[in-house]
C-alpha atoms as a PDB file:
ATOM      1  CA  MET A   1       0.082   0.366  -0.356  1.00  0.00           C
ATOM      2  CA  LYS A   2       1.275   3.460  -0.702  1.00  0.00           C
ATOM      3  CA  HIS A   3       2.824   5.470   1.847  1.00  0.00           C
ATOM      4  CA  GLN A   4       3.332   1.887   4.627  1.00  0.00           C
ATOM      5  CA  ALA A   5       7.256   2.567   4.491  1.00  0.00           C
ATOM      6  CA  LEU A   6       6.986   6.392   5.424  1.00  0.00           C
ATOM      7  CA  PHE A   7       3.999   5.722   8.048  1.00  0.00           C
ATOM      8  CA  ARG A   8       6.290   2.672   9.332  1.00  0.00           C
ATOM      9  CA  ARG A   9       9.687   4.641   9.551  1.00  0.00           C
ATOM     10  CA  SER A  10       7.420   7.497  11.039  1.00  0.00           C
ATOM     11  CA  PHE A  11       5.379   5.963  13.517  1.00  0.00           C
ATOM     12  CA  ALA A  12       6.886   2.375  14.449  1.00  0.00           C
ATOM     13  CA  GLY A  13       7.980   2.485  18.508  1.00  0.00           C
ATOM     14  CA  LYS A  14       6.847   6.014  18.598  1.00  0.00           C
ATOM     15  CA  ARG A  15       4.395   7.385  21.614  1.00  0.00           C
ATOM     16  CA  VAL A  16       1.060   8.224  19.993  1.00  0.00           C
ATOM     17  CA  LEU A  17      -2.225  10.006  21.910  1.00  0.00           C
ATOM     18  CA  ILE A  18      -5.547  10.387  20.477  1.00  0.00           C
ATOM     19  CA  THR A  19      -8.108  12.391  21.781  1.00  0.00           C
ATOM     20  CA  GLY A  20     -11.714  11.314  20.869  1.00  0.00           C
ATOM     21  CA  GLY A  21      -9.917   7.439  20.618  1.00  0.00           C
ATOM     22  CA  LEU A  22     -13.227   5.347  21.322  1.00  0.00           C
ATOM     23  CA  GLY A  23     -14.883   7.392  18.228  1.00  0.00           C
ATOM     24  CA  PHE A  24     -15.304   6.455  15.257  1.00  0.00           C
ATOM     25  CA  ILE A  25     -12.032   8.315  12.967  1.00  0.00           C
ATOM     26  CA  GLY A  26     -10.075   8.341  16.371  1.00  0.00           C
ATOM     27  CA  SER A  27     -10.739   3.980  16.761  1.00  0.00           C
ATOM     28  CA  ASN A  28     -10.081   3.567  12.875  1.00  0.00           C
ATOM     29  CA  LEU A  29      -6.603   5.458  13.418  1.00  0.00           C
ATOM     30  CA  ALA A  30      -5.844   4.076  16.690  1.00  0.00           C
ATOM     31  CA  ARG A  31      -5.975   0.398  14.678  1.00  0.00           C
ATOM     32  CA  GLU A  32      -4.143   1.699  11.972  1.00  0.00           C
ATOM     33  CA  LEU A  33      -1.309   3.043  14.459  1.00  0.00           C
ATOM     34  CA  VAL A  34      -1.730  -0.456  16.148  1.00  0.00           C
ATOM     35  CA  ARG A  35      -1.080  -2.149  13.088  1.00  0.00           C
ATOM     36  CA  LEU A  36       2.065  -0.230  11.986  1.00  0.00           C
ATOM     37  CA  GLY A  37       3.716  -0.375  15.641  1.00  0.00           C
ATOM     38  CA  ALA A  38       2.727   2.544  17.550  1.00  0.00           C
ATOM     39  CA  LYS A  39       2.273   2.407  21.292  1.00  0.00           C
ATOM     40  CA  VAL A  40      -1.146   4.191  21.468  1.00  0.00           C
ATOM     41  CA  THR A  41      -2.958   5.862  23.900  1.00  0.00           C
ATOM     42  CA  ILE A  42      -6.430   7.058  23.941  1.00  0.00           C
ATOM     43  CA  LEU A  43      -8.099   9.516  25.673  1.00  0.00           C
ATOM     44  CA  ASP A  44     -11.772   9.827  25.825  1.00  0.00           C
ATOM     45  CA  ALA A  45     -14.715  11.014  28.209  1.00  0.00           C
ATOM     46  CA  LEU A  46     -16.745   8.297  26.891  1.00  0.00           C
ATOM     47  CA  ILE A  47     -19.712  10.966  27.010  1.00  0.00           C
ATOM     48  CA  PRO A  48     -23.098   9.004  25.349  1.00  0.00           C
ATOM     49  CA  GLU A  49     -23.916  11.812  23.213  1.00  0.00           C
ATOM     50  CA  TYR A  50     -20.580  11.973  21.492  1.00  0.00           C
ATOM     51  CA  GLY A  51     -20.034   8.639  19.807  1.00  0.00           C
ATOM     52  CA  GLY A  52     -17.078   6.793  21.779  1.00  0.00           C
ATOM     53  CA  SER A  53     -17.770   3.043  21.977  1.00  0.00           C
ATOM     54  CA  ARG A  54     -15.562   0.388  23.749  1.00  0.00           C
ATOM     55  CA  HIS A  55     -16.488  -1.874  21.203  1.00  0.00           C
ATOM     56  CA  ASN A  56     -14.790   0.452  18.804  1.00  0.00           C
ATOM     57  CA  LEU A  57     -11.547  -1.070  20.322  1.00  0.00           C
ATOM     58  CA  LYS A  58     -13.025  -5.168  19.673  1.00  0.00           C
ATOM     59  CA  GLY A  59      -9.744  -6.843  18.649  1.00  0.00           C
ATOM     60  CA  ILE A  60      -6.994  -4.210  19.511  1.00  0.00           C
ATOM     61  CA  ALA A  61      -8.239  -3.807  23.120  1.00  0.00           C
ATOM     62  CA  ALA A  62      -5.147  -5.107  24.921  1.00  0.00           C
ATOM     63  CA  LYS A  63      -3.153  -3.127  22.385  1.00  0.00           C
ATOM     64  CA  VAL A  64      -3.890   0.164  23.566  1.00  0.00           C
ATOM     65  CA  ARG A  65      -3.928   2.574  26.793  1.00  0.00           C
ATOM     66  CA  VAL A  66      -6.929   3.911  27.434  1.00  0.00           C
ATOM     67  CA  HIS A  67      -7.624   6.860  29.543  1.00  0.00           C
ATOM     68  CA  VAL A  68     -11.257   7.494  30.360  1.00  0.00           C
ATOM     69  CA  ALA A  69     -11.028  11.340  30.724  1.00  0.00           C
ATOM     70  CA  ASP A  70     -12.158  15.025  29.909  1.00  0.00           C
ATOM     71  CA  VAL A  71     -10.841  17.424  27.640  1.00  0.00           C
ATOM     72  CA  ARG A  72     -11.880  20.240  29.519  1.00  0.00           C
ATOM     73  CA  ASP A  73      -9.774  18.530  32.943  1.00  0.00           C
ATOM     74  CA  ARG A  74      -7.117  20.788  32.289  1.00  0.00           C
ATOM     75  CA  LYS A  75      -5.259  19.829  35.463  1.00  0.00           C
ATOM     76  CA  ARG A  76      -4.966  16.079  33.913  1.00  0.00           C
ATOM     77  CA  LEU A  77      -3.762  17.218  30.637  1.00  0.00           C
ATOM     78  CA  PRO A  78      -0.426  17.513  31.662  1.00  0.00           C
ATOM     79  CA  GLY A  79       0.267  13.885  32.351  1.00  0.00           C
ATOM     80  CA  PHE A  80      -1.273  12.917  29.080  1.00  0.00           C
ATOM     81  CA  VAL A  81       0.524  15.044  26.598  1.00  0.00           C
ATOM     82  CA  ARG A  82       4.186  14.689  28.266  1.00  0.00           C
ATOM     83  CA  GLY A  83       6.394  12.314  26.642  1.00  0.00           C
ATOM     84  CA  GLN A  84       4.225  11.622  23.687  1.00  0.00           C
ATOM     85  CA  ASP A  85       5.598  11.930  19.784  1.00  0.00           C
ATOM     86  CA  PHE A  86       2.375  12.629  18.607  1.00  0.00           C
ATOM     87  CA  LEU A  87      -0.988  14.034  19.105  1.00  0.00           C
ATOM     88  CA  PHE A  88      -4.045  13.470  16.479  1.00  0.00           C
ATOM     89  CA  ASN A  89      -6.731  15.793  17.992  1.00  0.00           C
ATOM     90  CA  LEU A  90     -10.263  14.570  17.784  1.00  0.00           C
ATOM     91  CA  ALA A  91     -12.033  15.311  20.496  1.00  0.00           C
ATOM     92  CA  GLY A  92     -15.401  17.210  20.460  1.00  0.00           C
ATOM     93  CA  GLN A  93     -18.561  17.418  20.145  1.00  0.00           C
ATOM     94  CA  THR A  94     -20.071  17.420  16.419  1.00  0.00           C
ATOM     95  CA  SER A  95     -23.884  17.924  16.472  1.00  0.00           C
ATOM     96  CA  HIS A  96     -24.544  21.282  14.407  1.00  0.00           C
ATOM     97  CA  MET A  97     -28.220  21.161  16.515  1.00  0.00           C
ATOM     98  CA  ASP A  98     -26.887  20.613  19.839  1.00  0.00           C
ATOM     99  CA  SER A  99     -24.382  23.526  19.476  1.00  0.00           C
ATOM    100  CA  MET A 100     -27.529  25.534  18.903  1.00  0.00           C
ATOM    101  CA  THR A 101     -29.251  24.083  21.990  1.00  0.00           C
ATOM    102  CA  ASP A 102     -26.311  23.775  24.181  1.00  0.00           C
ATOM    103  CA  PRO A 103     -23.877  26.410  23.199  1.00  0.00           C
ATOM    104  CA  GLU A 104     -21.800  26.655  26.190  1.00  0.00           C
ATOM    105  CA  THR A 105     -21.005  22.967  26.275  1.00  0.00           C
ATOM    106  CA  ASP A 106     -19.904  23.476  22.695  1.00  0.00           C
ATOM    107  CA  LEU A 107     -17.474  26.540  23.634  1.00  0.00           C
ATOM    108  CA  GLU A 108     -16.195  24.354  26.666  1.00  0.00           C
ATOM    109  CA  ILE A 109     -15.359  21.352  24.463  1.00  0.00           C
ATOM    110  CA  ASN A 110     -14.176  22.538  20.569  1.00  0.00           C
ATOM    111  CA  CYS A 111     -13.117  25.646  21.800  1.00  0.00           C
ATOM    112  CA  ARG A 112     -12.162  26.305  25.369  1.00  0.00           C
ATOM    113  CA  ALA A 113     -10.396  22.981  26.174  1.00  0.00           C
ATOM    114  CA  GLN A 114      -8.471  22.958  22.564  1.00  0.00           C
ATOM    115  CA  LEU A 115      -6.441  26.376  23.926  1.00  0.00           C
ATOM    116  CA  SER A 116      -6.459  24.194  26.810  1.00  0.00           C
ATOM    117  CA  ILE A 117      -4.581  21.252  24.961  1.00  0.00           C
ATOM    118  CA  LEU A 118      -2.168  23.508  23.759  1.00  0.00           C
ATOM    119  CA  GLU A 119      -1.288  25.110  26.517  1.00  0.00           C
ATOM    120  CA  ALA A 120      -0.210  21.745  27.854  1.00  0.00           C
ATOM    121  CA  CYS A 121       1.368  20.690  25.132  1.00  0.00           C
ATOM    122  CA  ARG A 122       3.169  24.172  25.174  1.00  0.00           C
ATOM    123  CA  LEU A 123       4.414  23.732  28.453  1.00  0.00           C
ATOM    124  CA  HIS A 124       5.092  20.220  29.178  1.00  0.00           C
ATOM    125  CA  ASN A 125       5.781  18.932  25.247  1.00  0.00           C
ATOM    126  CA  PRO A 126       6.421  21.244  22.677  1.00  0.00           C
ATOM    127  CA  GLY A 127       8.295  19.045  20.558  1.00  0.00           C
ATOM    128  CA  ILE A 128       4.941  17.075  20.131  1.00  0.00           C
ATOM    129  CA  ARG A 129       3.518  16.718  16.306  1.00  0.00           C
ATOM    130  CA  VAL A 130      -0.209  18.063  16.205  1.00  0.00           C
ATOM    131  CA  VAL A 131      -2.904  16.850  13.992  1.00  0.00           C
ATOM    132  CA  PHE A 132      -6.377  18.739  14.715  1.00  0.00           C
ATOM    133  CA  ALA A 133      -9.598  17.447  12.784  1.00  0.00           C
ATOM    134  CA  SER A 134     -11.435  20.513  11.849  1.00  0.00           C
ATOM    135  CA  THR A 135     -14.778  20.694   9.285  1.00  0.00           C
ATOM    136  CA  ARG A 136     -16.175  21.968   6.255  1.00  0.00           C
ATOM    137  CA  GLN A 137     -18.694  23.495   8.535  1.00  0.00           C
ATOM    138  CA  ILE A 138     -16.815  26.613   8.919  1.00  0.00           C
ATOM    139  CA  TYR A 139     -17.291  27.648   5.465  1.00  0.00           C
ATOM    140  CA  GLY A 140     -20.829  27.845   5.821  1.00  0.00           C
ATOM    141  CA  ARG A 141     -23.024  28.362   2.470  1.00  0.00           C
ATOM    142  CA  PRO A 142     -20.465  27.967  -0.320  1.00  0.00           C
ATOM    143  CA  ASP A 143     -19.799  30.770  -2.566  1.00  0.00           C
ATOM    144  CA  TYR A 144     -18.808  28.766  -5.335  1.00  0.00           C
ATOM    145  CA  LEU A 145     -18.216  24.887  -5.592  1.00  0.00           C
ATOM    146  CA  PRO A 146     -15.816  22.884  -5.031  1.00  0.00           C
ATOM    147  CA  VAL A 147     -14.659  24.675  -2.148  1.00  0.00           C
ATOM    148  CA  ASP A 148     -10.733  25.216  -1.700  1.00  0.00           C
ATOM    149  CA  GLU A 149      -9.331  26.690   0.992  1.00  0.00           C
ATOM    150  CA  LYS A 150      -9.290  30.349   0.044  1.00  0.00           C
ATOM    151  CA  HIS A 151     -12.760  30.355   0.079  1.00  0.00           C
ATOM    152  CA  PRO A 152     -14.622  32.804   2.776  1.00  0.00           C
ATOM    153  CA  LEU A 153     -14.958  31.195   6.403  1.00  0.00           C
ATOM    154  CA  ARG A 154     -18.673  32.119   7.613  1.00  0.00           C
ATOM    155  CA  PRO A 155     -19.699  29.321   9.459  1.00  0.00           C
ATOM    156  CA  VAL A 156     -23.574  28.975  10.212  1.00  0.00           C
ATOM    157  CA  ASP A 157     -23.778  27.981  13.364  1.00  0.00           C
ATOM    158  CA  VAL A 158     -22.114  27.400  17.241  1.00  0.00           C
ATOM    159  CA  ASN A 159     -20.492  24.558  16.256  1.00  0.00           C
ATOM    160  CA  GLY A 160     -19.065  26.015  13.161  1.00  0.00           C
ATOM    161  CA  ILE A 161     -17.399  29.415  14.958  1.00  0.00           C
ATOM    162  CA  ASN A 162     -16.099  27.167  17.618  1.00  0.00           C
ATOM    163  CA  LYS A 163     -14.334  24.585  15.711  1.00  0.00           C
ATOM    164  CA  LEU A 164     -12.947  27.672  13.625  1.00  0.00           C
ATOM    165  CA  ALA A 165     -11.451  29.304  16.763  1.00  0.00           C
ATOM    166  CA  GLY A 166      -9.926  25.838  17.879  1.00  0.00           C
ATOM    167  CA  GLU A 167      -8.517  25.894  13.987  1.00  0.00           C
ATOM    168  CA  GLU A 168      -6.779  29.180  14.094  1.00  0.00           C
ATOM    169  CA  TYR A 169      -5.040  28.246  17.883  1.00  0.00           C
ATOM    170  CA  HIS A 170      -3.736  25.344  16.154  1.00  0.00           C
ATOM    171  CA  LEU A 171      -2.299  27.381  13.315  1.00  0.00           C
ATOM    172  CA  LEU A 172      -1.134  30.303  16.141  1.00  0.00           C
ATOM    173  CA  TYR A 173       0.389  27.499  18.526  1.00  0.00           C
ATOM    174  CA  SER A 174       2.390  26.223  15.551  1.00  0.00           C
ATOM    175  CA  GLU A 175       3.588  29.439  14.579  1.00  0.00           C
ATOM    176  CA  VAL A 176       4.279  31.093  17.269  1.00  0.00           C
ATOM    177  CA  HIS A 177       5.047  28.709  19.963  1.00  0.00           C
ATOM    178  CA  GLY A 178       6.486  25.755  17.804  1.00  0.00           C
ATOM    179  CA  VAL A 179       3.932  23.579  18.373  1.00  0.00           C
ATOM    180  CA  ARG A 180       3.301  21.725  15.288  1.00  0.00           C
ATOM    181  CA  SER A 181      -0.008  21.519  13.864  1.00  0.00           C
ATOM    182  CA  THR A 182      -1.638  20.961  11.002  1.00  0.00           C
ATOM    183  CA  VAL A 183      -5.034  21.113  10.177  1.00  0.00           C
ATOM    184  CA  LEU A 184      -7.511  19.170   8.383  1.00  0.00           C
ATOM    185  CA  ARG A 185     -11.178  20.384   7.294  1.00  0.00           C
ATOM    186  CA  LEU A 186     -13.451  17.004   7.024  1.00  0.00           C
ATOM    187  CA  THR A 187     -16.355  16.705   4.945  1.00  0.00           C
ATOM    188  CA  ASN A 188     -18.945  13.919   5.696  1.00  0.00           C
ATOM    189  CA  THR A 189     -16.453  10.948   6.872  1.00  0.00           C
ATOM    190  CA  ILE A 190     -18.213   7.544   6.586  1.00  0.00           C
ATOM    191  CA  GLY A 191     -17.450   3.948   7.267  1.00  0.00           C
ATOM    192  CA  PRO A 192     -17.013   0.970  10.067  1.00  0.00           C
ATOM    193  CA  ARG A 193     -17.616   2.530  13.789  1.00  0.00           C
ATOM    194  CA  MET A 194     -19.659   5.653  12.961  1.00  0.00           C
ATOM    195  CA  ARG A 195     -22.162   6.715  14.908  1.00  0.00           C
ATOM    196  CA  VAL A 196     -25.623   4.986  13.775  1.00  0.00           C
ATOM    197  CA  ARG A 197     -27.827   5.395  16.809  1.00  0.00           C
ATOM    198  CA  ASP A 198     -29.031   8.770  16.012  1.00  0.00           C
ATOM    199  CA  ALA A 199     -28.174  11.928  13.456  1.00  0.00           C
ATOM    200  CA  ARG A 200     -25.440  13.870  15.574  1.00  0.00           C
ATOM    201  CA  GLN A 201     -22.303  12.651  14.084  1.00  0.00           C
ATOM    202  CA  THR A 202     -24.230  12.170   9.851  1.00  0.00           C
ATOM    203  CA  PHE A 203     -27.242  11.604   8.714  1.00  0.00           C
ATOM    204  CA  LEU A 204     -26.039   8.415   6.893  1.00  0.00           C
ATOM    205  CA  GLY A 205     -25.747   6.500  10.300  1.00  0.00           C
ATOM    206  CA  VAL A 206     -29.390   6.608  10.868  1.00  0.00           C
ATOM    207  CA  TRP A 207     -30.420   5.767   7.442  1.00  0.00           C
ATOM    208  CA  ILE A 208     -28.163   2.400   7.724  1.00  0.00           C
ATOM    209  CA  LYS A 209     -29.589   1.832  11.034  1.00  0.00           C
ATOM    210  CA  GLN A 210     -33.091   1.926  10.016  1.00  0.00           C
ATOM    211  CA  VAL A 211     -32.763   0.171   6.624  1.00  0.00           C
ATOM    212  CA  LEU A 212     -30.832  -2.926   8.094  1.00  0.00           C
ATOM    213  CA  SER A 213     -33.830  -2.788  10.921  1.00  0.00           C
ATOM    214  CA  GLY A 214     -36.464  -3.071   8.145  1.00  0.00           C
ATOM    215  CA  GLU A 215     -38.180   0.631   8.807  1.00  0.00           C
ATOM    216  CA  PRO A 216     -38.115   3.287   6.546  1.00  0.00           C
ATOM    217  CA  PHE A 217     -35.942   6.689   6.242  1.00  0.00           C
ATOM    218  CA  GLU A 218     -36.054   9.800   5.718  1.00  0.00           C
ATOM    219  CA  VAL A 219     -34.208  11.702   3.157  1.00  0.00           C
ATOM    220  CA  TRP A 220     -34.817  15.909   3.417  1.00  0.00           C
ATOM    221  CA  GLY A 221     -34.990  17.827   0.099  1.00  0.00           C
ATOM    222  CA  GLY A 222     -32.729  15.241  -1.924  1.00  0.00           C
ATOM    223  CA  GLU A 223     -31.261  17.477  -4.361  1.00  0.00           C
ATOM    224  CA  GLN A 224     -28.150  18.306  -2.455  1.00  0.00           C
ATOM    225  CA  SER A 225     -24.903  17.527  -3.751  1.00  0.00           C
ATOM    226  CA  ARG A 226     -22.426  16.413  -1.090  1.00  0.00           C
ATOM    227  CA  ASP A 227     -19.183  14.412  -0.810  1.00  0.00           C
ATOM    228  CA  PHE A 228     -17.726  11.468   1.236  1.00  0.00           C
ATOM    229  CA  THR A 229     -14.330  10.148   2.610  1.00  0.00           C
ATOM    230  CA  TYR A 230     -14.574   7.387   3.533  1.00  0.00           C
ATOM    231  CA  VAL A 231     -12.693   6.391   6.734  1.00  0.00           C
ATOM    232  CA  ASP A 232      -9.809   4.546   5.687  1.00  0.00           C
ATOM    233  CA  ASP A 233      -9.089   7.365   3.481  1.00  0.00           C
ATOM    234  CA  ALA A 234      -9.200  10.101   6.401  1.00  0.00           C
ATOM    235  CA  VAL A 235      -6.923   7.765   8.497  1.00  0.00           C
ATOM    236  CA  GLN A 236      -4.334   7.976   5.562  1.00  0.00           C
ATOM    237  CA  ALA A 237      -4.819  11.512   5.658  1.00  0.00           C
ATOM    238  CA  PHE A 238      -3.983  12.260   9.353  1.00  0.00           C
ATOM    239  CA  LEU A 239      -1.212   9.861   8.978  1.00  0.00           C
ATOM    240  CA  LEU A 240       0.427  11.889   5.742  1.00  0.00           C
ATOM    241  CA  ALA A 241      -0.304  15.216   8.121  1.00  0.00           C
ATOM    242  CA  ALA A 242       1.726  13.908  10.864  1.00  0.00           C
ATOM    243  CA  ALA A 243       4.547  12.409   8.939  1.00  0.00           C
ATOM    244  CA  LYS A 244       5.175  15.120   6.678  1.00  0.00           C
ATOM    245  CA  ARG A 245       6.941  18.196   7.508  1.00  0.00           C
ATOM    246  CA  ALA A 246       5.618  19.902   4.725  1.00  0.00           C
ATOM    247  CA  ALA A 247       2.299  19.568   6.794  1.00  0.00           C
ATOM    248  CA  VAL A 248       3.384  21.868   9.624  1.00  0.00           C
ATOM    249  CA  GLY A 249       1.300  24.793  10.107  1.00  0.00           C
ATOM    250  CA  ALA A 250      -1.002  23.960   6.910  1.00  0.00           C
ATOM    251  CA  VAL A 251      -4.698  23.462   6.498  1.00  0.00           C
ATOM    252  CA  TYR A 252      -6.147  21.340   4.011  1.00  0.00           C
ATOM    253  CA  ASN A 253      -9.670  20.454   2.859  1.00  0.00           C
ATOM    254  CA  LEU A 254     -10.202  16.512   2.459  1.00  0.00           C
ATOM    255  CA  GLY A 255     -12.967  15.239   0.357  1.00  0.00           C
ATOM    256  CA  GLY A 256     -13.823  11.973  -1.702  1.00  0.00           C
ATOM    257  CA  THR A 257     -13.656  10.213  -5.130  1.00  0.00           C
ATOM    258  CA  GLU A 258     -16.897  11.883  -6.499  1.00  0.00           C
ATOM    259  CA  ARG A 259     -19.653  13.746  -5.525  1.00  0.00           C
ATOM    260  CA  ILE A 260     -23.029  12.382  -5.170  1.00  0.00           C
ATOM    261  CA  THR A 261     -27.380  13.638  -3.986  1.00  0.00           C
ATOM    262  CA  LEU A 262     -28.450  12.536  -1.125  1.00  0.00           C
ATOM    263  CA  LEU A 263     -31.609  11.015  -3.209  1.00  0.00           C
ATOM    264  CA  ASP A 264     -29.144   9.040  -5.626  1.00  0.00           C
ATOM    265  CA  LEU A 265     -27.095   8.295  -1.955  1.00  0.00           C
ATOM    266  CA  ALA A 266     -30.562   7.208  -0.787  1.00  0.00           C
ATOM    267  CA  ASP A 267     -30.398   4.445  -3.608  1.00  0.00           C
ATOM    268  CA  LEU A 268     -26.974   3.520  -2.749  1.00  0.00           C
ATOM    269  CA  VAL A 269     -27.660   2.599   0.635  1.00  0.00           C
ATOM    270  CA  VAL A 270     -30.884   0.031  -0.070  1.00  0.00           C
ATOM    271  CA  ALA A 271     -29.384  -1.302  -2.806  1.00  0.00           C
ATOM    272  CA  ALA A 272     -26.047  -2.438  -0.700  1.00  0.00           C
ATOM    273  CA  ALA A 273     -28.866  -3.372   1.988  1.00  0.00           C
ATOM    274  CA  GLY A 274     -30.486  -5.648  -0.351  1.00  0.00           C
ATOM    275  CA  GLY A 275     -33.615  -3.850  -0.055  1.00  0.00           C
ATOM    276  CA  GLY A 276     -35.498  -1.474   1.888  1.00  0.00           C
ATOM    277  CA  ARG A 277     -37.440   2.086   1.758  1.00  0.00           C
ATOM    278  CA  PHE A 278     -37.130   5.927   2.043  1.00  0.00           C
ATOM    279  CA  ALA A 279     -39.757   9.354   1.918  1.00  0.00           C
ATOM    280  CA  ILE A 280     -38.335  12.183   0.324  1.00  0.00           C
ATOM    281  CA  LYS A 281     -39.467  14.924   2.818  1.00  0.00           C
ATOM    282  CA  ALA A 282     -39.230  18.721   2.850  1.00  0.00           C
ATOM    283  CA  PHE A 283     -36.263  20.176   5.053  1.00  0.00           C
ATOM    284  CA  PRO A 284     -37.563  20.765   8.288  1.00  0.00           C
ATOM    285  CA  ALA A 285     -37.775  24.328   9.084  1.00  0.00           C
ATOM    286  CA  ASN A 286     -35.541  24.599  12.432  1.00  0.00           C
ATOM    287  CA  ARG A 287     -32.426  22.606  10.185  1.00  0.00           C
ATOM    288  CA  LYS A 288     -32.532  24.365   7.392  1.00  0.00           C
ATOM    289  CA  LYS A 289     -31.495  27.803   8.984  1.00  0.00           C
ATOM    290  CA  ILE A 290     -28.487  25.818   9.391  1.00  0.00           C
ATOM    291  CA  ASP A 291     -28.142  23.703   6.506  1.00  0.00           C
ATOM    292  CA  ILE A 292     -25.179  24.695   3.933  1.00  0.00           C
ATOM    293  CA  GLY A 293     -27.196  24.078   0.907  1.00  0.00           C
ATOM    294  CA  ASP A 294     -24.533  21.803  -1.411  1.00  0.00           C
ATOM    295  CA  TYR A 295     -21.245  21.118  -0.414  1.00  0.00           C
ATOM    296  CA  TYR A 296     -17.817  19.268  -2.145  1.00  0.00           C
ATOM    297  CA  ALA A 297     -14.433  19.688  -1.518  1.00  0.00           C
ATOM    298  CA  ASP A 298     -11.698  21.100  -3.764  1.00  0.00           C
ATOM    299  CA  ASP A 299      -9.032  18.503  -2.212  1.00  0.00           C
ATOM    300  CA  ARG A 300      -6.304  19.175  -4.838  1.00  0.00           C
ATOM    301  CA  LEU A 301      -3.646  20.878  -1.857  1.00  0.00           C
ATOM    302  CA  ILE A 302      -3.982  17.824   0.590  1.00  0.00           C
ATOM    303  CA  ARG A 303      -3.334  15.616  -2.918  1.00  0.00           C
ATOM    304  CA  GLN A 304      -0.267  18.030  -5.099  1.00  0.00           C
ATOM    305  CA  ALA A 305       1.481  18.570  -1.293  1.00  0.00           C
ATOM    306  CA  LEU A 306       1.492  15.229   0.610  1.00  0.00           C
ATOM    307  CA  GLY A 307       0.656  12.784  -2.761  1.00  0.00           C
ATOM    308  CA  TRP A 308      -2.913  12.033  -0.789  1.00  0.00           C
ATOM    309  CA  CYS A 309      -5.128  10.339  -2.693  1.00  0.00           C
ATOM    310  CA  PRO A 310      -8.293   8.724  -1.395  1.00  0.00           C
ATOM    311  CA  GLN A 311      -8.958   5.561  -2.676  1.00  0.00           C
ATOM    312  CA  CYS A 312     -12.480   4.288  -1.711  1.00  0.00           C
ATOM    313  CA  GLY A 313     -15.220   5.129  -4.210  1.00  0.00           C
ATOM    314  CA  ILE A 314     -18.940   6.604  -2.689  1.00  0.00           C
ATOM    315  CA  GLU A 315     -20.492   3.047  -3.589  1.00  0.00           C
ATOM    316  CA  GLU A 316     -18.042   0.779  -2.319  1.00  0.00           C
ATOM    317  CA  SER A 317     -17.654   2.524   0.896  1.00  0.00           C
ATOM    318  CA  VAL A 318     -21.686   2.222   1.775  1.00  0.00           C
ATOM    319  CA  GLU A 319     -21.051  -1.327   0.314  1.00  0.00           C
ATOM    320  CA  ARG A 320     -18.443  -1.828   3.342  1.00  0.00           C
ATOM    321  CA  THR A 321     -20.095   0.256   6.088  1.00  0.00           C
ATOM    322  CA  VAL A 322     -23.525  -1.554   5.530  1.00  0.00           C
ATOM    323  CA  GLU A 323     -21.967  -4.814   5.714  1.00  0.00           C
ATOM    324  CA  PHE A 324     -20.140  -3.997   8.899  1.00  0.00           C
ATOM    325  CA  PHE A 325     -23.083  -3.139  10.428  1.00  0.00           C
ATOM    326  CA  ARG A 326     -25.403  -5.773   9.205  1.00  0.00           C
ATOM    327  CA  ALA A 327     -22.862  -7.847  11.708  1.00  0.00           C
ATOM    328  CA  GLU A 328     -22.334  -5.390  14.780  1.00  0.00           C
ATOM    329  CA  LEU A 329     -25.404  -3.146  14.284  1.00  0.00           C
ATOM    330  CA  PRO A 330     -26.329  -4.590  18.362  1.00  0.00           C
ATOM    331  CA  HIS A 331     -23.322  -2.874  19.319  1.00  0.00           C
ATOM    332  CA  TYR A 332     -24.122   0.576  18.179  1.00  0.00           C
ATOM    333  CA  LEU A 333     -27.578   1.038  18.972  1.00  0.00           C
ATOM    334  CA  SER A 334     -26.914   1.934  22.801  1.00  0.00           C
ATOM    335  CA  CYS A 335     -23.952   3.457  24.882  1.00  0.00           C
ATOM    336  CA  ALA A 336     -21.115   1.122  25.372  1.00  0.00           C
END
């Protein structure tokens, strides 16, 4: 596989901390780092609303160290960052609707805690290499498509504003304090271990849960265009960003292999499940206010600068995800 020699040189025997490591992307990243021979430590608060699950470590639990702790606990952060070679900072509150109904919590996790993490790094491990998981949501409603990194930043919800602040802290600490950081702006990431019991992480998880449970699902609107990154491809981007010096201080969009309308995506879900039903509904008024409409990324910068190239197309991504949850769904219907 491409980049494997680089990854082994970069991570074998190295100490790696993953905040939010029991969540969807964090646990998939942990699995790959274990395979590469890294010494992985996971920090996760296991807050029920945020998607972390011990089941996500099935098969590697004995090979990683897990601390159940909250990134808002500033007093404990120095102990976690000391001695680490890499920090993959994925801890966050991901629900856009929750950020509007409980903005203070979103502020604490996505903004203030990010500053605390970076202060812990600055004071106790300034040589650590950091990759921060940001979001396409910071762009707001696109002025043009595809959206590149030069697009104006106009978040439409509290989550986007706080994630943007988190980005800026990482870039500032990289430039001023030498805490070498890279920012990845993620689009819709899908795959095994994603949250499916509700739409706090992605609507596609709810679709998959319902179709595999024999229930119809709702498609709001249907004509909106989106792009999707399969989780294995996202993991490759995180590893490249951490391994390559050229990524220090940089911001990169992640995208996918193609864009698709939500209606066509629903058809793929039904086909992958071997049958199912969905209904097209009008977009709910309370969500329409913070919906960004059509979005797909221009990810040429990370392709050119780091050699990242997503491998898994949308049809295969959906098929793999559905097959995983066909076998594992009961473990993801409740907190664990």
